Amino acid sequence: MPLRLRTTLLVGCLLAALACLLPSGALAAGGGAKAGARSTGGVSPQDPRFAPAKRGKIVAGLAVPPAGAPPEVVAVINAANEIVRMPYRYGGGHQDFVDSGYDCSGSVSFALHGANFVASPLDSSSFMDWGMSGKGKWITVYTNPGHAFVMVAGLRFDTGYRDRRTRGTFPGSGPRWGKARPTRGFKARHPSGF
C-alpha cells in the first residue's frame, strides 16, 4: 500500500475518532450547547440502571446484597437465603416452591421466584429457553440438561459441583452460596433488564 494512501487512511481514522469524542467533551465543558438548554447523552455514574453491577458478600453462609442493588436483585438474594442449608433432594422444589429439600433447578427456581422472575418451578432443561440469552448484568442462570445454578451480584447459588481438575466438590449437598465456578458446557440466560 502506498505511503500516501496509508497516511490518508490514518488521518481519516483519527478524525473519525475525534468526531466521536468531541461532542461529549464539548458538552461536558459547556461548549456546543445553548445556555440553559438541557443536555442529553451521558449517564450519571450513580444511576443504578447503567452503573456496573456490584458484588455481594457472603457472611456466615448467607449472601448480603451490595448497597444500591436493584430491589429485584435483593429479593432474589433474600429468597435464596431462606433455603440455604436445606438438604439436597433430587426433584426437590419442583412440585411446589416450598419443600423439605431442593435440587439444583428447584433452588434456582425458588430464588428467582422471590422477585417473580418465574411463576412455577423449572427444571434445568426448561431454563435453557427461559429469559434472555447471554450473561446478565446482575443475574445469570447457567444451565444445561443436567444442572443449573445462578450467579447473583457476583455470587454463585448452587447445590454443588465436582471439579474434575482438582477432584474437589464445592460447596456441597444442598443450596449454598459460593464463589464463581467454571461455566464451560453451560448456557447463560438472564431476566430481561438484569
C-alpha atoms as a PDB file:
ATOM      1  CA  MET A   1       0.000   0.000   0.000  1.00  0.00           C
ATOM      2  CA  PRO A   2       1.482   3.362  -0.976  1.00  0.00           C
ATOM      3  CA  LEU A   3       2.570   5.674   1.848  1.00  0.00           C
ATOM      4  CA  ARG A   4       0.194   8.441   0.771  1.00  0.00           C
ATOM      5  CA  LEU A   5      -2.834   6.091   0.924  1.00  0.00           C
ATOM      6  CA  ARG A   6      -1.805   4.792   4.376  1.00  0.00           C
ATOM      7  CA  THR A   7      -1.388   8.363   5.641  1.00  0.00           C
ATOM      8  CA  THR A   8      -4.808   9.341   4.268  1.00  0.00           C
ATOM      9  CA  LEU A   9      -6.451   6.318   5.933  1.00  0.00           C
ATOM     10  CA  LEU A  10      -4.724   7.040   9.240  1.00  0.00           C
ATOM     11  CA  VAL A  11      -5.778  10.706   9.212  1.00  0.00           C
ATOM     12  CA  GLY A  12      -9.358   9.654   8.349  1.00  0.00           C
ATOM     13  CA  CYS A  13      -9.448   7.205  11.266  1.00  0.00           C
ATOM     14  CA  LEU A  14      -8.092   9.802  13.681  1.00  0.00           C
ATOM     15  CA  LEU A  15     -10.666  12.390  12.542  1.00  0.00           C
ATOM     16  CA  ALA A  16     -13.476   9.861  12.942  1.00  0.00           C
ATOM     17  CA  ALA A  17     -12.277   9.045  16.463  1.00  0.00           C
ATOM     18  CA  LEU A  18     -12.121  12.728  17.357  1.00  0.00           C
ATOM     19  CA  ALA A  19     -15.612  13.290  15.952  1.00  0.00           C
ATOM     20  CA  CYS A  20     -16.922  10.584  18.302  1.00  0.00           C
ATOM     21  CA  LEU A  21     -15.174  12.089  21.318  1.00  0.00           C
ATOM     22  CA  LEU A  22     -15.737  15.768  20.612  1.00  0.00           C
ATOM     23  CA  PRO A  23     -19.495  16.088  21.298  1.00  0.00           C
ATOM     24  CA  SER A  24     -19.325  14.517  24.756  1.00  0.00           C
ATOM     25  CA  GLY A  25     -16.231  16.546  25.657  1.00  0.00           C
ATOM     26  CA  ALA A  26     -17.721  19.762  24.277  1.00  0.00           C
ATOM     27  CA  LEU A  27     -20.958  19.280  26.233  1.00  0.00           C
ATOM     28  CA  ALA A  28     -19.063  18.448  29.410  1.00  0.00           C
ATOM     29  CA  ALA A  29     -17.023  21.642  29.033  1.00  0.00           C
ATOM     30  CA  GLY A  30     -20.159  23.700  28.431  1.00  0.00           C
ATOM     31  CA  GLY A  31     -19.474  24.311  24.746  1.00  0.00           C
ATOM     32  CA  GLY A  32     -21.712  23.249  21.900  1.00  0.00           C
ATOM     33  CA  ALA A  33     -24.959  23.665  23.856  1.00  0.00           C
ATOM     34  CA  LYS A  34     -27.007  26.782  24.401  1.00  0.00           C
ATOM     35  CA  ALA A  35     -27.031  28.202  27.912  1.00  0.00           C
ATOM     36  CA  GLY A  36     -29.948  26.801  29.878  1.00  0.00           C
ATOM     37  CA  ALA A  37     -30.555  24.035  27.341  1.00  0.00           C
ATOM     38  CA  ARG A  38     -30.964  20.577  28.748  1.00  0.00           C
ATOM     39  CA  SER A  39     -28.096  18.372  27.639  1.00  0.00           C
ATOM     40  CA  THR A  40     -28.738  14.798  26.613  1.00  0.00           C
ATOM     41  CA  GLY A  41     -26.454  11.841  26.413  1.00  0.00           C
ATOM     42  CA  GLY A  42     -24.154  10.557  29.053  1.00  0.00           C
ATOM     43  CA  VAL A  43     -25.324   8.835  32.196  1.00  0.00           C
ATOM     44  CA  SER A  44     -24.793   9.614  35.826  1.00  0.00           C
ATOM     45  CA  PRO A  45     -22.477   7.087  37.490  1.00  0.00           C
ATOM     46  CA  GLN A  46     -24.998   6.971  40.335  1.00  0.00           C
ATOM     47  CA  ASP A  47     -27.821   5.770  38.045  1.00  0.00           C
ATOM     48  CA  PRO A  48     -28.208   2.091  39.081  1.00  0.00           C
ATOM     49  CA  ARG A  49     -29.642   1.152  35.685  1.00  0.00           C
ATOM     50  CA  PHE A  50     -26.329   1.869  33.996  1.00  0.00           C
ATOM     51  CA  ALA A  51     -23.704   1.600  36.718  1.00  0.00           C
ATOM     52  CA  PRO A  52     -21.643  -1.594  36.797  1.00  0.00           C
ATOM     53  CA  ALA A  53     -23.116  -4.342  38.948  1.00  0.00           C
ATOM     54  CA  LYS A  54     -21.589  -4.502  42.396  1.00  0.00           C
ATOM     55  CA  ARG A  55     -20.579  -7.689  44.182  1.00  0.00           C
ATOM     56  CA  GLY A  56     -22.409  -9.093  47.139  1.00  0.00           C
ATOM     57  CA  LYS A  57     -20.715 -10.690  50.145  1.00  0.00           C
ATOM     58  CA  ILE A  58     -21.119 -13.989  51.937  1.00  0.00           C
ATOM     59  CA  VAL A  59     -21.385 -13.683  55.721  1.00  0.00           C
ATOM     60  CA  ALA A  60     -21.911 -16.812  57.837  1.00  0.00           C
ATOM     61  CA  GLY A  61     -23.122 -18.696  54.755  1.00  0.00           C
ATOM     62  CA  LEU A  62     -25.725 -16.102  53.770  1.00  0.00           C
ATOM     63  CA  ALA A  63     -25.464 -13.621  50.917  1.00  0.00           C
ATOM     64  CA  VAL A  64     -25.576  -9.908  51.648  1.00  0.00           C
ATOM     65  CA  PRO A  65     -26.670  -7.805  48.671  1.00  0.00           C
ATOM     66  CA  PRO A  66     -24.443  -4.900  47.697  1.00  0.00           C
ATOM     67  CA  ALA A  67     -25.566  -1.360  48.510  1.00  0.00           C
ATOM     68  CA  GLY A  68     -27.548   0.111  45.662  1.00  0.00           C
ATOM     69  CA  ALA A  69     -28.597  -3.237  44.172  1.00  0.00           C
ATOM     70  CA  PRO A  70     -31.986  -3.135  42.433  1.00  0.00           C
ATOM     71  CA  PRO A  71     -34.890  -4.359  44.611  1.00  0.00           C
ATOM     72  CA  GLU A  72     -35.358  -7.413  42.385  1.00  0.00           C
ATOM     73  CA  VAL A  73     -31.752  -8.491  42.978  1.00  0.00           C
ATOM     74  CA  VAL A  74     -32.219  -8.036  46.734  1.00  0.00           C
ATOM     75  CA  ALA A  75     -35.431 -10.115  46.534  1.00  0.00           C
ATOM     76  CA  VAL A  76     -33.638 -12.976  44.721  1.00  0.00           C
ATOM     77  CA  ILE A  77     -30.825 -12.960  47.301  1.00  0.00           C
ATOM     78  CA  ASN A  78     -33.265 -12.865  50.226  1.00  0.00           C
ATOM     79  CA  ALA A  79     -35.312 -15.736  48.779  1.00  0.00           C
ATOM     80  CA  ALA A  80     -32.193 -17.841  48.219  1.00  0.00           C
ATOM     81  CA  ASN A  81     -31.079 -17.142  51.801  1.00  0.00           C
ATOM     82  CA  GLU A  82     -34.359 -18.700  53.020  1.00  0.00           C
ATOM     83  CA  ILE A  83     -33.334 -22.152  51.724  1.00  0.00           C
ATOM     84  CA  VAL A  84     -29.583 -22.027  52.332  1.00  0.00           C
ATOM     85  CA  ARG A  85     -28.548 -25.080  54.330  1.00  0.00           C
ATOM     86  CA  MET A  86     -31.612 -27.056  53.254  1.00  0.00           C
ATOM     87  CA  PRO A  87     -30.653 -30.591  52.200  1.00  0.00           C
ATOM     88  CA  TYR A  88     -30.221 -31.663  48.606  1.00  0.00           C
ATOM     89  CA  ARG A  89     -33.127 -33.749  47.328  1.00  0.00           C
ATOM     90  CA  TYR A  90     -33.464 -34.856  43.717  1.00  0.00           C
ATOM     91  CA  GLY A  91     -36.688 -33.326  42.361  1.00  0.00           C
ATOM     92  CA  GLY A  92     -36.953 -31.095  45.430  1.00  0.00           C
ATOM     93  CA  GLY A  93     -38.705 -27.786  44.868  1.00  0.00           C
ATOM     94  CA  HIS A  94     -40.487 -28.897  41.701  1.00  0.00           C
ATOM     95  CA  GLN A  95     -43.979 -29.835  42.910  1.00  0.00           C
ATOM     96  CA  ASP A  96     -44.171 -26.613  44.903  1.00  0.00           C
ATOM     97  CA  PHE A  97     -41.720 -23.841  45.735  1.00  0.00           C
ATOM     98  CA  VAL A  98     -41.893 -24.794  49.423  1.00  0.00           C
ATOM     99  CA  ASP A  99     -40.277 -28.177  50.040  1.00  0.00           C
ATOM    100  CA  SER A 100     -38.162 -30.117  52.546  1.00  0.00           C
ATOM    101  CA  GLY A 101     -35.145 -30.238  50.204  1.00  0.00           C
ATOM    102  CA  TYR A 102     -34.077 -28.826  46.861  1.00  0.00           C
ATOM    103  CA  ASP A 103     -32.213 -29.956  43.782  1.00  0.00           C
ATOM    104  CA  CYS A 104     -30.236 -27.568  41.579  1.00  0.00           C
ATOM    105  CA  SER A 105     -33.043 -26.200  39.411  1.00  0.00           C
ATOM    106  CA  GLY A 106     -35.504 -26.245  42.316  1.00  0.00           C
ATOM    107  CA  SER A 107     -33.093 -23.985  44.227  1.00  0.00           C
ATOM    108  CA  VAL A 108     -32.677 -21.621  41.279  1.00  0.00           C
ATOM    109  CA  SER A 109     -36.457 -21.534  40.767  1.00  0.00           C
ATOM    110  CA  PHE A 110     -37.062 -20.704  44.433  1.00  0.00           C
ATOM    111  CA  ALA A 111     -34.551 -17.839  44.339  1.00  0.00           C
ATOM    112  CA  LEU A 112     -35.901 -16.365  41.096  1.00  0.00           C
ATOM    113  CA  HIS A 113     -39.481 -16.681  42.326  1.00  0.00           C
ATOM    114  CA  GLY A 114     -38.534 -14.260  45.124  1.00  0.00           C
ATOM    115  CA  ALA A 115     -38.561 -11.479  42.507  1.00  0.00           C
ATOM    116  CA  ASN A 116     -41.382 -13.026  40.429  1.00  0.00           C
ATOM    117  CA  PHE A 117     -38.994 -13.943  37.600  1.00  0.00           C
ATOM    118  CA  VAL A 118     -40.612 -17.418  37.416  1.00  0.00           C
ATOM    119  CA  ALA A 119     -44.252 -18.290  38.123  1.00  0.00           C
ATOM    120  CA  SER A 120     -43.650 -22.013  38.665  1.00  0.00           C
ATOM    121  CA  PRO A 121     -40.568 -24.183  39.253  1.00  0.00           C
ATOM    122  CA  LEU A 122     -38.485 -25.030  36.179  1.00  0.00           C
ATOM    123  CA  ASP A 123     -36.082 -27.912  35.589  1.00  0.00           C
ATOM    124  CA  SER A 124     -32.576 -27.344  34.209  1.00  0.00           C
ATOM    125  CA  SER A 125     -33.646 -28.128  30.614  1.00  0.00           C
ATOM    126  CA  SER A 126     -36.504 -25.608  30.822  1.00  0.00           C
ATOM    127  CA  PHE A 127     -34.082 -22.919  31.996  1.00  0.00           C
ATOM    128  CA  MET A 128     -32.248 -23.307  28.665  1.00  0.00           C
ATOM    129  CA  ASP A 129     -35.071 -21.350  26.989  1.00  0.00           C
ATOM    130  CA  TRP A 130     -36.010 -19.106  29.916  1.00  0.00           C
ATOM    131  CA  GLY A 131     -35.369 -15.348  29.931  1.00  0.00           C
ATOM    132  CA  MET A 132     -32.913 -13.687  27.608  1.00  0.00           C
ATOM    133  CA  SER A 133     -29.837 -15.223  26.020  1.00  0.00           C
ATOM    134  CA  GLY A 134     -26.397 -14.449  27.433  1.00  0.00           C
ATOM    135  CA  LYS A 135     -24.980 -13.103  30.674  1.00  0.00           C
ATOM    136  CA  GLY A 136     -26.976 -10.614  32.675  1.00  0.00           C
ATOM    137  CA  LYS A 137     -25.637  -7.574  34.490  1.00  0.00           C
ATOM    138  CA  TRP A 138     -26.881  -8.691  37.915  1.00  0.00           C
ATOM    139  CA  ILE A 139     -28.357 -12.183  37.468  1.00  0.00           C
ATOM    140  CA  THR A 140     -27.242 -15.031  35.194  1.00  0.00           C
ATOM    141  CA  VAL A 141     -28.610 -18.577  35.215  1.00  0.00           C
ATOM    142  CA  TYR A 142     -26.109 -21.127  33.903  1.00  0.00           C
ATOM    143  CA  THR A 143     -27.849 -24.258  32.689  1.00  0.00           C
ATOM    144  CA  ASN A 144     -27.526 -27.439  30.689  1.00  0.00           C
ATOM    145  CA  PRO A 145     -29.786 -30.521  30.542  1.00  0.00           C
ATOM    146  CA  GLY A 146     -28.285 -31.914  33.747  1.00  0.00           C
ATOM    147  CA  HIS A 147     -27.540 -28.972  36.053  1.00  0.00           C
ATOM    148  CA  ALA A 148     -28.414 -25.337  36.752  1.00  0.00           C
ATOM    149  CA  PHE A 149     -27.029 -22.653  39.054  1.00  0.00           C
ATOM    150  CA  VAL A 150     -27.389 -18.894  39.275  1.00  0.00           C
ATOM    151  CA  MET A 151     -24.926 -16.038  39.716  1.00  0.00           C
ATOM    152  CA  VAL A 152     -26.448 -13.070  41.570  1.00  0.00           C
ATOM    153  CA  ALA A 153     -24.406  -9.903  42.218  1.00  0.00           C
ATOM    154  CA  GLY A 154     -21.209 -11.870  41.590  1.00  0.00           C
ATOM    155  CA  LEU A 155     -22.128 -14.732  43.963  1.00  0.00           C
ATOM    156  CA  ARG A 156     -22.962 -18.297  42.952  1.00  0.00           C
ATOM    157  CA  PHE A 157     -26.075 -20.003  44.330  1.00  0.00           C
ATOM    158  CA  ASP A 158     -25.635 -23.699  43.636  1.00  0.00           C
ATOM    159  CA  THR A 159     -26.214 -27.163  45.064  1.00  0.00           C
ATOM    160  CA  GLY A 160     -22.600 -28.163  44.482  1.00  0.00           C
ATOM    161  CA  TYR A 161     -20.364 -29.366  41.727  1.00  0.00           C
ATOM    162  CA  ARG A 162     -17.387 -31.617  41.219  1.00  0.00           C
ATOM    163  CA  ASP A 163     -14.257 -30.003  39.775  1.00  0.00           C
ATOM    164  CA  ARG A 164     -12.619 -32.622  37.535  1.00  0.00           C
ATOM    165  CA  ARG A 165      -9.234 -30.903  37.683  1.00  0.00           C
ATOM    166  CA  THR A 166      -8.904 -30.710  41.462  1.00  0.00           C
ATOM    167  CA  ARG A 167     -11.319 -33.575  42.191  1.00  0.00           C
ATOM    168  CA  GLY A 168     -12.898 -31.416  44.860  1.00  0.00           C
ATOM    169  CA  THR A 169     -16.607 -30.870  45.412  1.00  0.00           C
ATOM    170  CA  PHE A 170     -17.849 -27.343  46.048  1.00  0.00           C
ATOM    171  CA  PRO A 171     -19.799 -26.277  48.110  1.00  0.00           C
ATOM    172  CA  GLY A 172     -21.856 -29.468  48.514  1.00  0.00           C
ATOM    173  CA  SER A 173     -25.097 -31.236  49.412  1.00  0.00           C
ATOM    174  CA  GLY A 174     -27.756 -28.592  49.014  1.00  0.00           C
ATOM    175  CA  PRO A 175     -28.367 -24.944  48.177  1.00  0.00           C
ATOM    176  CA  ARG A 176     -25.366 -22.861  49.218  1.00  0.00           C
ATOM    177  CA  TRP A 177     -23.677 -19.587  48.300  1.00  0.00           C
ATOM    178  CA  GLY A 178     -20.167 -19.710  46.888  1.00  0.00           C
ATOM    179  CA  LYS A 179     -17.724 -18.075  44.520  1.00  0.00           C
ATOM    180  CA  ALA A 180     -17.755 -18.390  40.740  1.00  0.00           C
ATOM    181  CA  ARG A 181     -17.184 -21.760  39.125  1.00  0.00           C
ATOM    182  CA  PRO A 182     -16.306 -22.874  35.602  1.00  0.00           C
ATOM    183  CA  THR A 183     -19.164 -22.330  33.151  1.00  0.00           C
ATOM    184  CA  ARG A 184     -17.937 -24.346  30.196  1.00  0.00           C
ATOM    185  CA  GLY A 185     -20.754 -26.530  28.883  1.00  0.00           C
ATOM    186  CA  PHE A 186     -23.468 -24.261  30.287  1.00  0.00           C
ATOM    187  CA  LYS A 187     -25.860 -21.924  28.502  1.00  0.00           C
ATOM    188  CA  ALA A 188     -26.138 -18.444  30.047  1.00  0.00           C
ATOM    189  CA  ARG A 189     -29.620 -16.914  30.450  1.00  0.00           C
ATOM    190  CA  HIS A 190     -30.829 -13.849  32.343  1.00  0.00           C
ATOM    191  CA  PRO A 191     -34.023 -11.994  33.196  1.00  0.00           C
ATOM    192  CA  SER A 192     -34.664  -9.019  30.937  1.00  0.00           C
ATOM    193  CA  GLY A 193     -33.007  -5.869  32.294  1.00  0.00           C
ATOM    194  CA  PHE A 194     -30.938  -7.686  34.905  1.00  0.00           C
END
